Amino acid sequence: MDPRSGPPRGLVSRSLVAVMVFAAGMLPGWILGDLAERWSGNGLLDWLITCAWTAAAMVVLAPHASYRRRDAWLGMVPLLGWYLVAVMAWRVALLPYRDWEPRDDEMWRARWLAGDLVGLWKVSSRAG
């Protein structure tokens, strides 16, 4: 085990971190959308702002959760974007470890862990 990383988070702490990441990624968009609807009276503007904020959250989370930044366009789809942000928040909550297989373009810097951490991956941010 890498002493700088420490052990992976347990289920409870991972869940709490995931909820905080999800809330930080979604609540501002919901609040801004509601304020815009109240100010303009246009419900469509609420959805547009909420979905745009979801896409922005996905742009930030995507590289850390084995998604591509271009996948943020899916954030513009109501409900699907929220689901994807939840998946990304769950994944980001376990970092620096991963319990999902890295994409093909991430494999060159990934390693499968053994021992107490069997079943997890570790992906370095740089070569070497």
C-alpha atoms as a PDB file:
ATOM      1  CA  MET A   1       0.000   0.000   0.000  1.00  0.00           C
ATOM      2  CA  ASP A   2       1.253   3.459  -0.858  1.00  0.00           C
ATOM      3  CA  PRO A   3       1.774   5.223   2.500  1.00  0.00           C
ATOM      4  CA  ARG A   4       0.971   8.620   0.954  1.00  0.00           C
ATOM      5  CA  SER A   5      -2.491   7.440  -0.115  1.00  0.00           C
ATOM      6  CA  GLY A   6      -3.652   5.682   3.006  1.00  0.00           C
ATOM      7  CA  PRO A   7      -6.356   3.037   2.975  1.00  0.00           C
ATOM      8  CA  PRO A   8      -9.415   3.416   0.739  1.00  0.00           C
ATOM      9  CA  ARG A   9     -12.497   5.064   2.226  1.00  0.00           C
ATOM     10  CA  GLY A  10     -15.115   2.840   3.765  1.00  0.00           C
ATOM     11  CA  LEU A  11     -18.721   2.746   2.586  1.00  0.00           C
ATOM     12  CA  VAL A  12     -19.987   5.401   5.010  1.00  0.00           C
ATOM     13  CA  SER A  13     -17.195   7.925   4.444  1.00  0.00           C
ATOM     14  CA  ARG A  14     -17.287   7.331   0.685  1.00  0.00           C
ATOM     15  CA  SER A  15     -21.048   7.888   0.703  1.00  0.00           C
ATOM     16  CA  LEU A  16     -20.672  11.145   2.645  1.00  0.00           C
ATOM     17  CA  VAL A  17     -17.982  12.423   0.275  1.00  0.00           C
ATOM     18  CA  ALA A  18     -20.100  11.430  -2.738  1.00  0.00           C
ATOM     19  CA  VAL A  19     -23.120  13.294  -1.363  1.00  0.00           C
ATOM     20  CA  MET A  20     -21.003  16.401  -0.766  1.00  0.00           C
ATOM     21  CA  VAL A  21     -19.527  16.253  -4.283  1.00  0.00           C
ATOM     22  CA  PHE A  22     -22.985  15.736  -5.795  1.00  0.00           C
ATOM     23  CA  ALA A  23     -24.439  18.615  -3.785  1.00  0.00           C
ATOM     24  CA  ALA A  24     -21.566  20.928  -4.733  1.00  0.00           C
ATOM     25  CA  GLY A  25     -22.072  20.003  -8.363  1.00  0.00           C
ATOM     26  CA  MET A  26     -25.858  20.300  -8.474  1.00  0.00           C
ATOM     27  CA  LEU A  27     -27.246  22.676  -5.832  1.00  0.00           C
ATOM     28  CA  PRO A  28     -25.857  25.916  -7.277  1.00  0.00           C
ATOM     29  CA  GLY A  29     -27.480  25.142 -10.635  1.00  0.00           C
ATOM     30  CA  TRP A  30     -30.819  24.345  -9.023  1.00  0.00           C
ATOM     31  CA  ILE A  31     -30.702  27.511  -6.923  1.00  0.00           C
ATOM     32  CA  LEU A  32     -29.694  29.737  -9.849  1.00  0.00           C
ATOM     33  CA  GLY A  33     -32.364  28.144 -12.032  1.00  0.00           C
ATOM     34  CA  ASP A  34     -35.059  28.748  -9.427  1.00  0.00           C
ATOM     35  CA  LEU A  35     -33.955  32.351  -8.965  1.00  0.00           C
ATOM     36  CA  ALA A  36     -33.989  32.935 -12.728  1.00  0.00           C
ATOM     37  CA  GLU A  37     -37.479  31.447 -12.983  1.00  0.00           C
ATOM     38  CA  ARG A  38     -38.731  33.642 -10.148  1.00  0.00           C
ATOM     39  CA  TRP A  39     -37.183  36.723 -11.712  1.00  0.00           C
ATOM     40  CA  SER A  40     -38.281  36.033 -15.311  1.00  0.00           C
ATOM     41  CA  GLY A  41     -41.330  33.810 -14.821  1.00  0.00           C
ATOM     42  CA  ASN A  42     -39.901  31.474 -17.472  1.00  0.00           C
ATOM     43  CA  GLY A  43     -39.751  27.810 -16.420  1.00  0.00           C
ATOM     44  CA  LEU A  44     -37.718  26.920 -19.510  1.00  0.00           C
ATOM     45  CA  LEU A  45     -34.963  29.269 -18.349  1.00  0.00           C
ATOM     46  CA  ASP A  46     -34.859  27.344 -15.064  1.00  0.00           C
ATOM     47  CA  TRP A  47     -34.270  24.066 -16.920  1.00  0.00           C
ATOM     48  CA  LEU A  48     -31.708  25.623 -19.230  1.00  0.00           C
ATOM     49  CA  ILE A  49     -29.634  27.029 -16.354  1.00  0.00           C
ATOM     50  CA  THR A  50     -29.935  23.833 -14.310  1.00  0.00           C
ATOM     51  CA  CYS A  51     -28.852  21.633 -17.226  1.00  0.00           C
ATOM     52  CA  ALA A  52     -26.013  23.981 -18.199  1.00  0.00           C
ATOM     53  CA  TRP A  53     -24.719  23.874 -14.616  1.00  0.00           C
ATOM     54  CA  THR A  54     -24.947  20.076 -14.678  1.00  0.00           C
ATOM     55  CA  ALA A  55     -22.872  20.008 -17.855  1.00  0.00           C
ATOM     56  CA  ALA A  56     -20.312  22.315 -16.227  1.00  0.00           C
ATOM     57  CA  ALA A  57     -20.089  20.004 -13.204  1.00  0.00           C
ATOM     58  CA  MET A  58     -19.522  17.090 -15.557  1.00  0.00           C
ATOM     59  CA  VAL A  59     -16.681  18.943 -17.304  1.00  0.00           C
ATOM     60  CA  VAL A  60     -14.937  19.300 -13.938  1.00  0.00           C
ATOM     61  CA  LEU A  61     -15.588  15.746 -12.684  1.00  0.00           C
ATOM     62  CA  ALA A  62     -15.204  13.815 -15.956  1.00  0.00           C
ATOM     63  CA  PRO A  63     -11.401  13.461 -16.142  1.00  0.00           C
ATOM     64  CA  HIS A  64     -11.273  12.150 -12.574  1.00  0.00           C
ATOM     65  CA  ALA A  65     -14.043   9.586 -13.105  1.00  0.00           C
ATOM     66  CA  SER A  66     -12.904   7.994 -16.408  1.00  0.00           C
ATOM     67  CA  TYR A  67     -15.300  10.033 -18.504  1.00  0.00           C
ATOM     68  CA  ARG A  68     -14.299  12.414 -21.259  1.00  0.00           C
ATOM     69  CA  ARG A  69     -14.958  16.146 -21.055  1.00  0.00           C
ATOM     70  CA  ARG A  70     -17.011  15.852 -24.231  1.00  0.00           C
ATOM     71  CA  ASP A  71     -19.452  13.624 -22.328  1.00  0.00           C
ATOM     72  CA  ALA A  72     -20.629  16.804 -20.595  1.00  0.00           C
ATOM     73  CA  TRP A  73     -23.073  17.321 -23.460  1.00  0.00           C
ATOM     74  CA  LEU A  74     -25.054  14.517 -21.846  1.00  0.00           C
ATOM     75  CA  GLY A  75     -25.429  16.803 -18.840  1.00  0.00           C
ATOM     76  CA  MET A  76     -27.758  18.945 -20.915  1.00  0.00           C
ATOM     77  CA  VAL A  77     -30.268  16.076 -20.954  1.00  0.00           C
ATOM     78  CA  PRO A  78     -32.571  16.451 -17.935  1.00  0.00           C
ATOM     79  CA  LEU A  79     -32.324  13.609 -15.406  1.00  0.00           C
ATOM     80  CA  LEU A  80     -29.613  11.769 -17.398  1.00  0.00           C
ATOM     81  CA  GLY A  81     -27.121  14.476 -16.493  1.00  0.00           C
ATOM     82  CA  TRP A  82     -28.052  14.263 -12.826  1.00  0.00           C
ATOM     83  CA  TYR A  83     -27.590  10.503 -12.915  1.00  0.00           C
ATOM     84  CA  LEU A  84     -24.163  10.853 -14.537  1.00  0.00           C
ATOM     85  CA  VAL A  85     -23.069  13.454 -11.974  1.00  0.00           C
ATOM     86  CA  ALA A  86     -24.124  10.999  -9.242  1.00  0.00           C
ATOM     87  CA  VAL A  87     -22.031   8.238 -10.864  1.00  0.00           C
ATOM     88  CA  MET A  88     -19.062  10.578 -11.174  1.00  0.00           C
ATOM     89  CA  ALA A  89     -19.445  11.751  -7.570  1.00  0.00           C
ATOM     90  CA  TRP A  90     -19.455   8.122  -6.406  1.00  0.00           C
ATOM     91  CA  ARG A  91     -16.289   7.418  -8.357  1.00  0.00           C
ATOM     92  CA  VAL A  92     -14.485  10.597  -7.291  1.00  0.00           C
ATOM     93  CA  ALA A  93     -15.294   9.830  -3.650  1.00  0.00           C
ATOM     94  CA  LEU A  94     -12.945   6.815  -3.731  1.00  0.00           C
ATOM     95  CA  LEU A  95      -9.959   8.564  -5.308  1.00  0.00           C
ATOM     96  CA  PRO A  96      -7.003   8.038  -5.434  1.00  0.00           C
ATOM     97  CA  TYR A  97      -8.185   4.432  -5.722  1.00  0.00           C
ATOM     98  CA  ARG A  98     -10.628   3.189  -8.337  1.00  0.00           C
ATOM     99  CA  ASP A  99     -13.051   0.296  -8.255  1.00  0.00           C
ATOM    100  CA  TRP A 100     -13.758   0.610 -11.975  1.00  0.00           C
ATOM    101  CA  GLU A 101     -11.508  -0.355 -14.862  1.00  0.00           C
ATOM    102  CA  PRO A 102      -9.736   2.594 -16.471  1.00  0.00           C
ATOM    103  CA  ARG A 103     -10.505   3.505 -20.097  1.00  0.00           C
ATOM    104  CA  ASP A 104      -8.158   2.202 -22.777  1.00  0.00           C
ATOM    105  CA  ASP A 105      -6.391   5.565 -23.039  1.00  0.00           C
ATOM    106  CA  GLU A 106      -5.752   5.539 -19.259  1.00  0.00           C
ATOM    107  CA  MET A 107      -4.329   2.011 -19.102  1.00  0.00           C
ATOM    108  CA  TRP A 108      -0.736   3.054 -19.774  1.00  0.00           C
ATOM    109  CA  ARG A 109      -0.586   4.769 -16.391  1.00  0.00           C
ATOM    110  CA  ALA A 110      -2.832   2.388 -14.430  1.00  0.00           C
ATOM    111  CA  ARG A 111      -1.876  -0.488 -12.216  1.00  0.00           C
ATOM    112  CA  TRP A 112      -3.950  -3.243 -10.709  1.00  0.00           C
ATOM    113  CA  LEU A 113      -3.394  -3.417  -6.956  1.00  0.00           C
ATOM    114  CA  ALA A 114      -2.756  -6.597  -5.010  1.00  0.00           C
ATOM    115  CA  GLY A 115      -2.670  -7.676  -1.382  1.00  0.00           C
ATOM    116  CA  ASP A 116      -5.116  -5.851   0.885  1.00  0.00           C
ATOM    117  CA  LEU A 117      -6.170  -3.651  -2.039  1.00  0.00           C
ATOM    118  CA  VAL A 118      -6.948  -6.400  -4.526  1.00  0.00           C
ATOM    119  CA  GLY A 119      -9.817  -5.407  -6.765  1.00  0.00           C
ATOM    120  CA  LEU A 120      -8.777  -1.752  -6.906  1.00  0.00           C
ATOM    121  CA  TRP A 121      -6.859   0.254  -9.483  1.00  0.00           C
ATOM    122  CA  LYS A 122      -4.470   3.121  -9.008  1.00  0.00           C
ATOM    123  CA  VAL A 123      -3.875   5.562 -11.851  1.00  0.00           C
ATOM    124  CA  SER A 124      -0.977   7.975 -11.614  1.00  0.00           C
ATOM    125  CA  SER A 125      -1.400  11.480 -12.944  1.00  0.00           C
ATOM    126  CA  ARG A 126       1.907  11.286 -14.793  1.00  0.00           C
ATOM    127  CA  ALA A 127       4.089   8.717 -16.488  1.00  0.00           C
ATOM    128  CA  GLY A 128       6.451   6.644 -14.415  1.00  0.00           C
END
